[in-house]
Each structure stands twice: as structure tokens, then as C-alpha cells.
């Protein structure tokens, strides 16, 4: 079991390093990393809220309207 945990930690660490390299966050100050991480979380949260509230709601209304068209 500990070997599996180590493999998972290594996998997550690899993806975190890839994230830091892709966003070029490996060369900024620690406080700048925190600010950018908070910004990314806020943007992700706003996208999630938009998709959940607007897109999903619109799709459900579209699905219901097509059901009414089949009844009549």
C-alpha cells in the first residue's frame, strides 16, 4: 500500500511541476504564486458557476421545450 501512495504522490507532483512550468510560475516569488493561484481558482469558480447556472439551465429548458413539441 505505501508503494501505491508513493506512486500517486509522484504522479501528482509531476503534474504540479508541469503546471508550474506551463504557467511559468516556477520563477516567481511565493506570494505571487499565491495571488495567481487565487486568481485561477476564482476564474475556474466563475466558469463553473456560469456553466452550471446558465448553460445547464438553458439545456434543460431546451430539452423540456422539445418534449412539449412532441406532445402537441
N, C-alpha and C. Protein backbone atom coordinates (compact mmCIF):
# COMPACT_ATOMS: atom_id res chain seq x y z
N UNK A 1 0.81 -1.20 0.00
CA UNK A 1 0.00 0.00 0.00
C UNK A 1 0.85 1.26 0.00
N UNK A 2 1.92 1.34 0.82
CA UNK A 2 2.74 2.56 0.79
C UNK A 2 3.34 2.83 -0.59
N UNK A 3 3.65 1.76 -1.33
CA UNK A 3 4.20 1.97 -2.68
C UNK A 3 3.17 2.65 -3.57
N UNK A 4 1.92 2.28 -3.44
CA UNK A 4 0.87 2.90 -4.25
C UNK A 4 0.71 4.37 -3.88
N UNK A 5 0.79 4.67 -2.59
CA UNK A 5 0.69 6.07 -2.15
C UNK A 5 1.86 6.87 -2.71
N UNK A 6 3.04 6.30 -2.70
CA UNK A 6 4.21 6.99 -3.25
C UNK A 6 4.05 7.23 -4.75
N UNK A 7 3.51 6.26 -5.45
CA UNK A 7 3.30 6.42 -6.90
C UNK A 7 2.28 7.52 -7.18
N UNK A 8 1.23 7.59 -6.37
CA UNK A 8 0.22 8.64 -6.54
C UNK A 8 0.83 10.00 -6.24
N UNK A 9 1.61 10.08 -5.17
CA UNK A 9 2.27 11.35 -4.83
C UNK A 9 3.23 11.78 -5.93
N UNK A 10 3.95 10.83 -6.49
CA UNK A 10 4.88 11.14 -7.58
C UNK A 10 4.11 11.64 -8.81
N UNK A 11 2.99 11.01 -9.11
CA UNK A 11 2.16 11.41 -10.25
C UNK A 11 1.62 12.82 -10.06
N UNK A 12 1.09 13.11 -8.87
CA UNK A 12 0.55 14.45 -8.58
C UNK A 12 1.67 15.48 -8.63
N UNK A 13 2.83 15.14 -8.08
CA UNK A 13 3.97 16.05 -8.10
C UNK A 13 4.40 16.34 -9.53
N UNK A 14 4.42 15.32 -10.38
CA UNK A 14 4.78 15.51 -11.78
C UNK A 14 3.82 16.48 -12.46
N UNK A 15 2.53 16.30 -12.24
CA UNK A 15 1.55 17.20 -12.86
C UNK A 15 1.63 18.60 -12.28
N UNK A 16 1.96 18.74 -11.00
CA UNK A 16 2.13 20.07 -10.40
C UNK A 16 3.34 20.78 -11.01
N UNK A 17 4.43 20.05 -11.20
CA UNK A 17 5.61 20.64 -11.83
C UNK A 17 5.30 21.03 -13.27
N UNK A 18 4.57 20.20 -13.98
CA UNK A 18 4.17 20.54 -15.36
C UNK A 18 3.31 21.80 -15.37
N UNK A 19 2.41 21.92 -14.41
CA UNK A 19 1.58 23.12 -14.28
C UNK A 19 2.44 24.35 -14.02
N UNK A 20 3.41 24.23 -13.11
CA UNK A 20 4.29 25.36 -12.81
C UNK A 20 5.12 25.76 -14.03
N UNK A 21 5.59 24.79 -14.79
CA UNK A 21 6.39 25.10 -15.97
C UNK A 21 5.52 25.70 -17.07
N UNK A 22 4.33 25.16 -17.28
CA UNK A 22 3.46 25.67 -18.34
C UNK A 22 2.98 27.08 -18.06
N UNK A 23 2.75 27.40 -16.80
CA UNK A 23 2.29 28.74 -16.44
C UNK A 23 3.45 29.66 -16.06
N UNK A 24 4.66 29.13 -16.10
CA UNK A 24 5.89 29.86 -15.75
C UNK A 24 5.86 30.39 -14.32
N UNK A 25 5.18 29.67 -13.43
CA UNK A 25 5.11 30.07 -12.03
C UNK A 25 6.30 29.61 -11.21
N UNK A 26 7.15 28.79 -11.80
CA UNK A 26 8.30 28.29 -11.05
C UNK A 26 9.33 29.38 -10.80
N UNK A 27 9.23 30.51 -11.51
CA UNK A 27 10.25 31.54 -11.35
C UNK A 27 9.73 32.81 -10.69
N UNK A 28 8.57 32.75 -10.04
CA UNK A 28 8.04 33.93 -9.36
C UNK A 28 8.17 33.75 -7.84
N UNK A 29 7.97 34.84 -7.15
CA UNK A 29 8.04 34.81 -5.68
C UNK A 29 6.88 34.00 -5.11
N UNK A 30 7.03 33.45 -3.91
CA UNK A 30 5.95 32.66 -3.31
C UNK A 30 4.64 33.43 -3.15
N UNK A 31 4.69 34.71 -2.78
CA UNK A 31 3.46 35.47 -2.62
C UNK A 31 2.79 35.69 -3.98
N UNK A 32 3.58 35.79 -5.05
CA UNK A 32 3.00 35.94 -6.39
C UNK A 32 2.30 34.65 -6.82
N UNK A 33 2.89 33.51 -6.44
CA UNK A 33 2.25 32.23 -6.74
C UNK A 33 0.88 32.16 -6.07
N UNK A 34 0.82 32.59 -4.81
CA UNK A 34 -0.45 32.55 -4.08
C UNK A 34 -1.49 33.43 -4.77
N UNK A 35 -1.09 34.62 -5.17
CA UNK A 35 -2.02 35.54 -5.85
C UNK A 35 -2.52 34.92 -7.15
N UNK A 36 -1.63 34.35 -7.92
CA UNK A 36 -2.02 33.77 -9.21
C UNK A 36 -2.88 32.52 -8.99
N UNK A 37 -2.55 31.70 -7.98
CA UNK A 37 -3.39 30.53 -7.68
C UNK A 37 -4.80 30.97 -7.28
N UNK A 38 -4.91 32.00 -6.46
CA UNK A 38 -6.23 32.52 -6.06
C UNK A 38 -6.97 33.03 -7.29
N UNK A 39 -6.27 33.73 -8.16
CA UNK A 39 -6.89 34.23 -9.40
C UNK A 39 -7.41 33.06 -10.24
N UNK A 40 -6.59 32.02 -10.41
CA UNK A 40 -7.02 30.85 -11.19
C UNK A 40 -8.24 30.18 -10.56
N UNK A 41 -8.25 30.07 -9.24
CA UNK A 41 -9.39 29.45 -8.55
C UNK A 41 -10.65 30.30 -8.76
N UNK A 42 -10.51 31.62 -8.67
CA UNK A 42 -11.67 32.49 -8.90
C UNK A 42 -12.19 32.36 -10.32
N UNK A 43 -11.30 32.37 -11.30
CA UNK A 43 -11.72 32.23 -12.70
C UNK A 43 -12.39 30.87 -12.91
N UNK A 44 -11.78 29.81 -12.38
CA UNK A 44 -12.38 28.48 -12.51
C UNK A 44 -13.75 28.44 -11.85
N UNK A 45 -13.88 29.04 -10.68
CA UNK A 45 -15.17 29.09 -9.99
C UNK A 45 -16.22 29.85 -10.77
N UNK A 46 -15.82 30.96 -11.37
CA UNK A 46 -16.77 31.73 -12.19
C UNK A 46 -17.19 30.94 -13.42
N UNK A 47 -16.25 30.27 -14.08
CA UNK A 47 -16.60 29.44 -15.23
C UNK A 47 -17.54 28.31 -14.82
N UNK A 48 -17.25 27.68 -13.68
CA UNK A 48 -18.10 26.60 -13.20
C UNK A 48 -19.51 27.12 -12.92
N UNK A 49 -19.61 28.26 -12.24
CA UNK A 49 -20.92 28.84 -11.93
C UNK A 49 -21.67 29.19 -13.21
N UNK A 50 -20.99 29.79 -14.16
CA UNK A 50 -21.63 30.14 -15.43
C UNK A 50 -22.15 28.89 -16.13
N UNK A 51 -21.32 27.86 -16.23
CA UNK A 51 -21.74 26.63 -16.90
C UNK A 51 -22.88 25.96 -16.14
N UNK A 52 -22.81 25.95 -14.83
CA UNK A 52 -23.83 25.28 -14.04
C UNK A 52 -25.16 26.04 -14.10
N UNK A 53 -25.12 27.35 -13.96
CA UNK A 53 -26.36 28.11 -13.85
C UNK A 53 -26.95 28.48 -15.21
N UNK A 54 -26.14 28.89 -16.16
CA UNK A 54 -26.67 29.39 -17.42
C UNK A 54 -26.75 28.28 -18.47
N UNK A 55 -25.65 27.62 -18.73
CA UNK A 55 -25.63 26.62 -19.79
C UNK A 55 -26.52 25.43 -19.43
N UNK A 56 -26.37 24.90 -18.24
CA UNK A 56 -27.16 23.74 -17.84
C UNK A 56 -28.64 24.08 -17.79
N UNK A 57 -28.96 25.26 -17.26
CA UNK A 57 -30.35 25.69 -17.20
C UNK A 57 -30.92 25.84 -18.61
N UNK A 58 -30.15 26.42 -19.53
CA UNK A 58 -30.60 26.57 -20.91
C UNK A 58 -30.81 25.23 -21.58
N UNK A 59 -29.92 24.29 -21.33
CA UNK A 59 -30.08 22.96 -21.93
C UNK A 59 -31.31 22.25 -21.38
N UNK A 60 -31.58 22.40 -20.09
CA UNK A 60 -32.77 21.78 -19.52
C UNK A 60 -34.04 22.40 -20.10
N UNK A 61 -34.05 23.71 -20.29
CA UNK A 61 -35.22 24.35 -20.91
C UNK A 61 -35.38 23.90 -22.35
N UNK A 62 -34.28 23.77 -23.07
CA UNK A 62 -34.33 23.31 -24.45
C UNK A 62 -34.86 21.88 -24.51
N UNK A 63 -34.42 21.05 -23.58
CA UNK A 63 -34.89 19.67 -23.53
C UNK A 63 -36.39 19.64 -23.24
N UNK A 64 -36.86 20.45 -22.30
CA UNK A 64 -38.28 20.49 -21.97
C UNK A 64 -39.10 21.03 -23.13
N UNK A 65 -38.59 22.01 -23.86
CA UNK A 65 -39.35 22.57 -24.98
C UNK A 65 -39.47 21.56 -26.11
N UNK A 66 -38.47 20.74 -26.33
CA UNK A 66 -38.57 19.72 -27.37
C UNK A 66 -39.57 18.63 -26.96
N UNK A 67 -39.70 18.37 -25.67
CA UNK A 67 -40.67 17.39 -25.19
C UNK A 67 -42.09 17.91 -25.43
N UNK A 68 -42.30 19.22 -25.20
CA UNK A 68 -43.62 19.79 -25.44
C UNK A 68 -43.95 19.78 -26.92
N UNK A 69 -42.96 19.95 -27.77
CA UNK A 69 -43.21 19.93 -29.20
C UNK A 69 -43.64 18.54 -29.65
N UNK A 70 -43.15 17.50 -29.02
CA UNK A 70 -43.53 16.14 -29.38
C UNK A 70 -44.94 15.82 -28.91
N UNK A 71 -45.36 16.39 -27.81
CA UNK A 71 -46.70 16.10 -27.28
C UNK A 71 -47.77 16.70 -28.17
N UNK A 72 -47.55 17.93 -28.60
CA UNK A 72 -48.55 18.59 -29.44
C UNK A 72 -48.22 18.32 -30.85
